[in-house]
Amino acid sequence: KASPSFNATNVNKSKVEILFDENVKIEKPMDKVIIAPPQQKFPIIKAQGRKVIVELEDTLKRNTTYTIDFTDAIVDNNEGNVLENFALSFSTGDKIDSMAISGIVLSAENLEPSQGIYVGIHSNLSDTAFTNIPFDRISRTNSHGIFTIKGVAEGKYKIYALGDLNRDYKYDNPQEEIAFLDSIIVPTSVPAFRNDTIFKDSITIDSIY
């Protein structure tokens, strides 16, 4: 369980606590844990027994969905089994933005996957936004070059990949690798339904929801 709970709205506290049913630890939180919107002051991230605690140091923004993506940072204390793709979202407003943008980043030099590269989006469509202001939301590529930016709202975005050397989430150093998609991204969603079948026994259907 978690406080605030998963997908909670109207949250006004910057401390998140997640309770597991066994002791856990966090590996390389500065490298593996991705928080969107990106934080200028790196948060406090720690494990205490069965509990994981995240304290955001930046002031919370109004009407904003926050996503804490632990990727593969959380492992159980005894055997080191990894909790894959675990994330928690909450909103300081009255709704959760739940769309996502996924893709892959390849090195232009050899077309190999680029690992550990930040990928960010801007709702400011100016050509110079990526040099002046931090990304709206971010992700980071895994060992296969794959990324997923979570908690995305409806709108129009430009997307960039950045080898961010000073962790300020903008391109301000000529030594930083940079890439961009030359078209605007407009994420959308459609309603979807999935049947859930309840069986009386191994062969007899009771009902379908």
C-alpha atoms as a PDB file:
ATOM      1  CA  LYS A   1       0.000   0.000   0.000  1.00  0.00           C
ATOM      2  CA  ALA A   2       1.026   3.587  -0.438  1.00  0.00           C
ATOM      3  CA  SER A   3       0.513   7.058   1.002  1.00  0.00           C
ATOM      4  CA  PRO A   4      -0.619   8.941  -0.994  1.00  0.00           C
ATOM      5  CA  SER A   5      -2.433   6.041  -2.660  1.00  0.00           C
ATOM      6  CA  PHE A   6      -1.917   5.083  -6.285  1.00  0.00           C
ATOM      7  CA  ASN A   7      -3.486   7.672  -8.621  1.00  0.00           C
ATOM      8  CA  ALA A   8      -4.588   9.842  -5.680  1.00  0.00           C
ATOM      9  CA  THR A   9      -5.805  13.339  -6.517  1.00  0.00           C
ATOM     10  CA  ASN A  10      -5.610  16.701  -4.710  1.00  0.00           C
ATOM     11  CA  VAL A  11      -2.374  15.685  -2.993  1.00  0.00           C
ATOM     12  CA  ASN A  12      -0.580  18.463  -1.123  1.00  0.00           C
ATOM     13  CA  LYS A  13       2.268  16.644   0.615  1.00  0.00           C
ATOM     14  CA  SER A  14       5.655  15.978  -0.928  1.00  0.00           C
ATOM     15  CA  LYS A  15       6.488  12.795   1.026  1.00  0.00           C
ATOM     16  CA  VAL A  16       5.566   9.409  -0.449  1.00  0.00           C
ATOM     17  CA  GLU A  17       5.663   6.161   1.514  1.00  0.00           C
ATOM     18  CA  ILE A  18       5.194   2.703  -0.033  1.00  0.00           C
ATOM     19  CA  LEU A  19       4.819  -0.378   2.175  1.00  0.00           C
ATOM     20  CA  PHE A  20       5.686  -3.864   0.885  1.00  0.00           C
ATOM     21  CA  ASP A  21       5.099  -7.286   2.434  1.00  0.00           C
ATOM     22  CA  GLU A  22       8.815  -7.989   2.819  1.00  0.00           C
ATOM     23  CA  ASN A  23      12.043  -6.096   3.373  1.00  0.00           C
ATOM     24  CA  VAL A  24      13.311  -4.261   0.292  1.00  0.00           C
ATOM     25  CA  LYS A  25      16.273  -2.178  -0.790  1.00  0.00           C
ATOM     26  CA  ILE A  26      16.853   0.397  -3.534  1.00  0.00           C
ATOM     27  CA  GLU A  27      19.761   0.070  -5.928  1.00  0.00           C
ATOM     28  CA  LYS A  28      21.315   3.164  -7.560  1.00  0.00           C
ATOM     29  CA  PRO A  29      18.351   5.491  -6.949  1.00  0.00           C
ATOM     30  CA  MET A  30      20.078   8.501  -8.563  1.00  0.00           C
ATOM     31  CA  ASP A  31      20.517   6.553 -11.807  1.00  0.00           C
ATOM     32  CA  LYS A  32      17.407   4.390 -11.898  1.00  0.00           C
ATOM     33  CA  VAL A  33      14.534   6.343 -10.296  1.00  0.00           C
ATOM     34  CA  ILE A  34      12.874   8.750 -12.743  1.00  0.00           C
ATOM     35  CA  ILE A  35      10.569  11.474 -11.414  1.00  0.00           C
ATOM     36  CA  ALA A  36       8.329  13.543 -13.659  1.00  0.00           C
ATOM     37  CA  PRO A  37       8.098  16.470 -13.801  1.00  0.00           C
ATOM     38  CA  PRO A  38      11.901  16.512 -13.396  1.00  0.00           C
ATOM     39  CA  GLN A  39      13.168  17.793 -10.078  1.00  0.00           C
ATOM     40  CA  GLN A  40      15.805  20.523  -9.794  1.00  0.00           C
ATOM     41  CA  LYS A  41      16.710  19.364  -6.277  1.00  0.00           C
ATOM     42  CA  PHE A  42      17.244  15.622  -6.212  1.00  0.00           C
ATOM     43  CA  PRO A  43      14.730  14.013  -3.835  1.00  0.00           C
ATOM     44  CA  ILE A  44      15.536  11.879  -0.817  1.00  0.00           C
ATOM     45  CA  ILE A  45      14.967   8.226  -1.780  1.00  0.00           C
ATOM     46  CA  LYS A  46      15.548   5.503   0.781  1.00  0.00           C
ATOM     47  CA  ALA A  47      14.405   2.082   1.965  1.00  0.00           C
ATOM     48  CA  GLN A  48      13.645   1.308   5.614  1.00  0.00           C
ATOM     49  CA  GLY A  49      12.748  -2.323   6.200  1.00  0.00           C
ATOM     50  CA  ARG A  50       9.532  -2.977   4.275  1.00  0.00           C
ATOM     51  CA  LYS A  51       9.064   0.703   3.431  1.00  0.00           C
ATOM     52  CA  VAL A  52      10.301   2.874   0.558  1.00  0.00           C
ATOM     53  CA  ILE A  53      10.283   6.624   1.220  1.00  0.00           C
ATOM     54  CA  VAL A  54      10.545   9.409  -1.362  1.00  0.00           C
ATOM     55  CA  GLU A  55      10.696  13.040  -0.221  1.00  0.00           C
ATOM     56  CA  LEU A  56      10.440  15.621  -3.002  1.00  0.00           C
ATOM     57  CA  GLU A  57      12.562  18.679  -2.307  1.00  0.00           C
ATOM     58  CA  ASP A  58      11.037  20.915  -4.995  1.00  0.00           C
ATOM     59  CA  THR A  59       7.767  22.749  -4.322  1.00  0.00           C
ATOM     60  CA  LEU A  60       4.825  20.841  -5.765  1.00  0.00           C
ATOM     61  CA  LYS A  61       3.268  22.385  -8.887  1.00  0.00           C
ATOM     62  CA  ARG A  62      -0.489  22.988  -8.994  1.00  0.00           C
ATOM     63  CA  ASN A  63      -2.765  20.733 -11.072  1.00  0.00           C
ATOM     64  CA  THR A  64       0.114  18.477 -12.056  1.00  0.00           C
ATOM     65  CA  THR A  65       0.453  14.701 -12.286  1.00  0.00           C
ATOM     66  CA  TYR A  66       3.599  13.410 -10.591  1.00  0.00           C
ATOM     67  CA  THR A  67       5.037  10.032 -11.546  1.00  0.00           C
ATOM     68  CA  ILE A  68       7.755   8.232  -9.600  1.00  0.00           C
ATOM     69  CA  ASP A  69       9.086   5.491 -11.867  1.00  0.00           C
ATOM     70  CA  PHE A  70      11.375   3.111  -9.985  1.00  0.00           C
ATOM     71  CA  THR A  71      12.205   1.116 -13.184  1.00  0.00           C
ATOM     72  CA  ASP A  72      14.218  -1.806 -11.723  1.00  0.00           C
ATOM     73  CA  ALA A  73      15.607  -0.062  -8.627  1.00  0.00           C
ATOM     74  CA  ILE A  74      13.535  -1.945  -5.998  1.00  0.00           C
ATOM     75  CA  VAL A  75      14.721  -5.446  -5.059  1.00  0.00           C
ATOM     76  CA  ASP A  76      13.859  -7.719  -2.174  1.00  0.00           C
ATOM     77  CA  ASN A  77      16.412  -7.676   0.609  1.00  0.00           C
ATOM     78  CA  ASN A  78      17.119 -11.409   0.793  1.00  0.00           C
ATOM     79  CA  GLU A  79      17.410 -12.717  -2.760  1.00  0.00           C
ATOM     80  CA  GLY A  80      17.711  -9.523  -4.769  1.00  0.00           C
ATOM     81  CA  ASN A  81      14.678 -10.281  -6.940  1.00  0.00           C
ATOM     82  CA  VAL A  82      13.826  -7.205  -9.009  1.00  0.00           C
ATOM     83  CA  LEU A  83      10.426  -5.494  -9.017  1.00  0.00           C
ATOM     84  CA  GLU A  84      10.204  -4.569 -12.707  1.00  0.00           C
ATOM     85  CA  ASN A  85       8.566  -1.423 -14.083  1.00  0.00           C
ATOM     86  CA  PHE A  86       7.068  -0.296 -10.771  1.00  0.00           C
ATOM     87  CA  ALA A  87       5.709   3.255 -10.727  1.00  0.00           C
ATOM     88  CA  LEU A  88       3.407   5.399  -8.600  1.00  0.00           C
ATOM     89  CA  SER A  89       1.435   8.417  -9.801  1.00  0.00           C
ATOM     90  CA  PHE A  90      -0.522  11.087  -7.952  1.00  0.00           C
ATOM     91  CA  SER A  91      -1.914  14.484  -8.840  1.00  0.00           C
ATOM     92  CA  THR A  92      -1.970  17.832  -7.077  1.00  0.00           C
ATOM     93  CA  GLY A  93      -5.174  18.599  -9.003  1.00  0.00           C
ATOM     94  CA  ASP A  94      -8.465  16.772  -9.395  1.00  0.00           C
ATOM     95  CA  LYS A  95      -7.459  14.476 -12.270  1.00  0.00           C
ATOM     96  CA  ILE A  96      -4.672  12.086 -13.229  1.00  0.00           C
ATOM     97  CA  ASP A  97      -2.945  12.418 -16.596  1.00  0.00           C
ATOM     98  CA  SER A  98      -2.398   8.815 -17.623  1.00  0.00           C
ATOM     99  CA  MET A  99      -1.200   8.704 -21.237  1.00  0.00           C
ATOM    100  CA  ALA A 100       2.330   7.644 -22.158  1.00  0.00           C
ATOM    101  CA  ILE A 101       4.812   8.162 -24.973  1.00  0.00           C
ATOM    102  CA  SER A 102       7.199   5.295 -25.765  1.00  0.00           C
ATOM    103  CA  GLY A 103       9.966   4.773 -28.271  1.00  0.00           C
ATOM    104  CA  ILE A 104      13.573   3.795 -28.824  1.00  0.00           C
ATOM    105  CA  VAL A 105      16.758   5.864 -29.118  1.00  0.00           C
ATOM    106  CA  LEU A 106      19.583   4.697 -31.367  1.00  0.00           C
ATOM    107  CA  SER A 107      23.061   6.103 -31.790  1.00  0.00           C
ATOM    108  CA  ALA A 108      23.399   7.822 -35.177  1.00  0.00           C
ATOM    109  CA  GLU A 109      27.002   6.622 -35.368  1.00  0.00           C
ATOM    110  CA  ASN A 110      26.311   2.886 -35.363  1.00  0.00           C
ATOM    111  CA  LEU A 111      22.521   2.444 -34.902  1.00  0.00           C
ATOM    112  CA  GLU A 112      23.118   0.675 -31.588  1.00  0.00           C
ATOM    113  CA  PRO A 113      20.663   1.324 -28.688  1.00  0.00           C
ATOM    114  CA  SER A 114      21.592   4.363 -26.581  1.00  0.00           C
ATOM    115  CA  GLN A 115      21.493   3.466 -22.891  1.00  0.00           C
ATOM    116  CA  GLY A 116      20.910   5.914 -20.039  1.00  0.00           C
ATOM    117  CA  ILE A 117      19.829   8.806 -22.272  1.00  0.00           C
ATOM    118  CA  TYR A 118      17.175  11.197 -20.979  1.00  0.00           C
ATOM    119  CA  VAL A 119      14.139  11.614 -23.216  1.00  0.00           C
ATOM    120  CA  GLY A 120      11.927  14.619 -22.524  1.00  0.00           C
ATOM    121  CA  ILE A 121       8.923  16.432 -23.935  1.00  0.00           C
ATOM    122  CA  HIS A 122       8.075  20.113 -24.234  1.00  0.00           C
ATOM    123  CA  SER A 123       4.596  21.585 -24.568  1.00  0.00           C
ATOM    124  CA  ASN A 124       6.376  24.823 -25.475  1.00  0.00           C
ATOM    125  CA  LEU A 125       6.854  24.287 -29.213  1.00  0.00           C
ATOM    126  CA  SER A 126       9.469  27.006 -29.657  1.00  0.00           C
ATOM    127  CA  ASP A 127      12.649  25.841 -31.385  1.00  0.00           C
ATOM    128  CA  THR A 128      14.720  27.176 -28.476  1.00  0.00           C
ATOM    129  CA  ALA A 129      12.651  25.783 -25.593  1.00  0.00           C
ATOM    130  CA  PHE A 130      15.000  22.807 -25.103  1.00  0.00           C
ATOM    131  CA  THR A 131      17.921  25.182 -24.520  1.00  0.00           C
ATOM    132  CA  ASN A 132      16.155  27.537 -22.088  1.00  0.00           C
ATOM    133  CA  ILE A 133      13.723  25.581 -19.913  1.00  0.00           C
ATOM    134  CA  PRO A 134      13.716  22.074 -18.399  1.00  0.00           C
ATOM    135  CA  PHE A 135      11.597  19.323 -19.927  1.00  0.00           C
ATOM    136  CA  ASP A 136       7.941  19.054 -18.899  1.00  0.00           C
ATOM    137  CA  ARG A 137       8.261  15.306 -18.336  1.00  0.00           C
ATOM    138  CA  ILE A 138      11.113  12.852 -18.734  1.00  0.00           C
ATOM    139  CA  SER A 139      12.107   9.238 -18.997  1.00  0.00           C
ATOM    140  CA  ARG A 140      15.406   7.454 -19.466  1.00  0.00           C
ATOM    141  CA  THR A 141      16.402   4.744 -21.903  1.00  0.00           C
ATOM    142  CA  ASN A 142      17.111   1.226 -20.665  1.00  0.00           C
ATOM    143  CA  SER A 143      19.804  -1.127 -21.939  1.00  0.00           C
ATOM    144  CA  HIS A 144      17.780  -1.671 -25.136  1.00  0.00           C
ATOM    145  CA  GLY A 145      17.392   2.070 -25.777  1.00  0.00           C
ATOM    146  CA  ILE A 146      13.686   1.901 -24.922  1.00  0.00           C
ATOM    147  CA  PHE A 147      11.923   4.659 -22.964  1.00  0.00           C
ATOM    148  CA  THR A 148       8.395   5.387 -21.721  1.00  0.00           C
ATOM    149  CA  ILE A 149       7.367   8.877 -20.603  1.00  0.00           C
ATOM    150  CA  LYS A 150       4.428   8.421 -18.231  1.00  0.00           C
ATOM    151  CA  GLY A 151       1.715  10.715 -16.898  1.00  0.00           C
ATOM    152  CA  VAL A 152       1.312  12.641 -20.154  1.00  0.00           C
ATOM    153  CA  ALA A 153      -1.647  15.011 -20.581  1.00  0.00           C
ATOM    154  CA  GLU A 154      -3.504  15.791 -23.790  1.00  0.00           C
ATOM    155  CA  GLY A 155      -1.727  18.387 -25.893  1.00  0.00           C
ATOM    156  CA  LYS A 156       0.968  18.918 -28.501  1.00  0.00           C
ATOM    157  CA  TYR A 157       4.601  18.131 -27.724  1.00  0.00           C
ATOM    158  CA  LYS A 158       8.074  18.168 -29.155  1.00  0.00           C
ATOM    159  CA  ILE A 159      10.334  15.335 -27.999  1.00  0.00           C
ATOM    160  CA  TYR A 160      14.095  15.316 -27.479  1.00  0.00           C
ATOM    161  CA  ALA A 161      16.789  12.855 -26.411  1.00  0.00           C
ATOM    162  CA  LEU A 162      19.597  14.330 -24.321  1.00  0.00           C
ATOM    163  CA  GLY A 163      22.855  13.065 -22.865  1.00  0.00           C
ATOM    164  CA  ASP A 164      22.414  15.441 -19.931  1.00  0.00           C
ATOM    165  CA  LEU A 165      25.817  15.924 -18.288  1.00  0.00           C
ATOM    166  CA  ASN A 166      24.803  18.392 -15.553  1.00  0.00           C
ATOM    167  CA  ARG A 167      21.283  17.072 -14.889  1.00  0.00           C
ATOM    168  CA  ASP A 168      19.433  20.321 -15.521  1.00  0.00           C
ATOM    169  CA  TYR A 169      17.150  18.712 -18.141  1.00  0.00           C
ATOM    170  CA  LYS A 170      17.981  21.148 -20.941  1.00  0.00           C
ATOM    171  CA  TYR A 171      20.638  21.418 -23.637  1.00  0.00           C
ATOM    172  CA  ASP A 172      23.214  23.929 -22.435  1.00  0.00           C
ATOM    173  CA  ASN A 173      26.530  22.207 -23.070  1.00  0.00           C
ATOM    174  CA  PRO A 174      27.993  21.492 -26.530  1.00  0.00           C
ATOM    175  CA  GLN A 175      29.431  18.256 -25.122  1.00  0.00           C
ATOM    176  CA  GLU A 176      25.911  16.905 -24.516  1.00  0.00           C
ATOM    177  CA  GLU A 177      24.499  14.512 -27.099  1.00  0.00           C
ATOM    178  CA  ILE A 178      21.192  15.716 -28.520  1.00  0.00           C
ATOM    179  CA  ALA A 179      18.502  14.332 -30.822  1.00  0.00           C
ATOM    180  CA  PHE A 180      14.954  15.314 -31.705  1.00  0.00           C
ATOM    181  CA  LEU A 181      11.942  14.167 -33.668  1.00  0.00           C
ATOM    182  CA  ASP A 182      11.155  16.655 -36.431  1.00  0.00           C
ATOM    183  CA  SER A 183       7.383  16.266 -36.086  1.00  0.00           C
ATOM    184  CA  ILE A 184       4.975  17.262 -33.312  1.00  0.00           C
ATOM    185  CA  ILE A 185       3.551  14.480 -31.130  1.00  0.00           C
ATOM    186  CA  VAL A 186      -0.161  14.551 -30.241  1.00  0.00           C
ATOM    187  CA  PRO A 187      -0.896  11.689 -27.792  1.00  0.00           C
ATOM    188  CA  THR A 188      -4.476  10.398 -27.830  1.00  0.00           C
ATOM    189  CA  SER A 189      -6.540   7.782 -26.045  1.00  0.00           C
ATOM    190  CA  VAL A 190      -9.668   5.800 -26.875  1.00  0.00           C
ATOM    191  CA  PRO A 191     -12.069   3.866 -24.626  1.00  0.00           C
ATOM    192  CA  ALA A 192     -11.342   0.142 -24.422  1.00  0.00           C
ATOM    193  CA  PHE A 193     -13.187  -2.719 -22.776  1.00  0.00           C
ATOM    194  CA  ARG A 194     -12.047  -6.186 -21.756  1.00  0.00           C
ATOM    195  CA  ASN A 195     -14.255  -9.137 -20.826  1.00  0.00           C
ATOM    196  CA  ASP A 196     -13.754 -10.845 -17.473  1.00  0.00           C
ATOM    197  CA  THR A 197     -15.248 -14.345 -17.207  1.00  0.00           C
ATOM    198  CA  ILE A 198     -16.372 -15.879 -13.906  1.00  0.00           C
ATOM    199  CA  PHE A 199     -16.484 -19.698 -13.878  1.00  0.00           C
ATOM    200  CA  LYS A 200     -18.669 -21.907 -11.666  1.00  0.00           C
ATOM    201  CA  ASP A 201     -16.154 -24.706 -12.101  1.00  0.00           C
ATOM    202  CA  SER A 202     -13.383 -25.564 -14.550  1.00  0.00           C
ATOM    203  CA  ILE A 203     -15.724 -25.670 -17.577  1.00  0.00           C
ATOM    204  CA  THR A 204     -19.001 -23.926 -16.635  1.00  0.00           C
ATOM    205  CA  ILE A 205     -19.280 -20.173 -17.174  1.00  0.00           C
ATOM    206  CA  ASP A 206     -21.170 -18.301 -14.470  1.00  0.00           C
ATOM    207  CA  SER A 207     -21.137 -14.802 -15.963  1.00  0.00           C
ATOM    208  CA  ILE A 208     -19.169 -12.406 -18.155  1.00  0.00           C
ATOM    209  CA  TYR A 209     -18.536  -8.820 -17.064  1.00  0.00           C
END
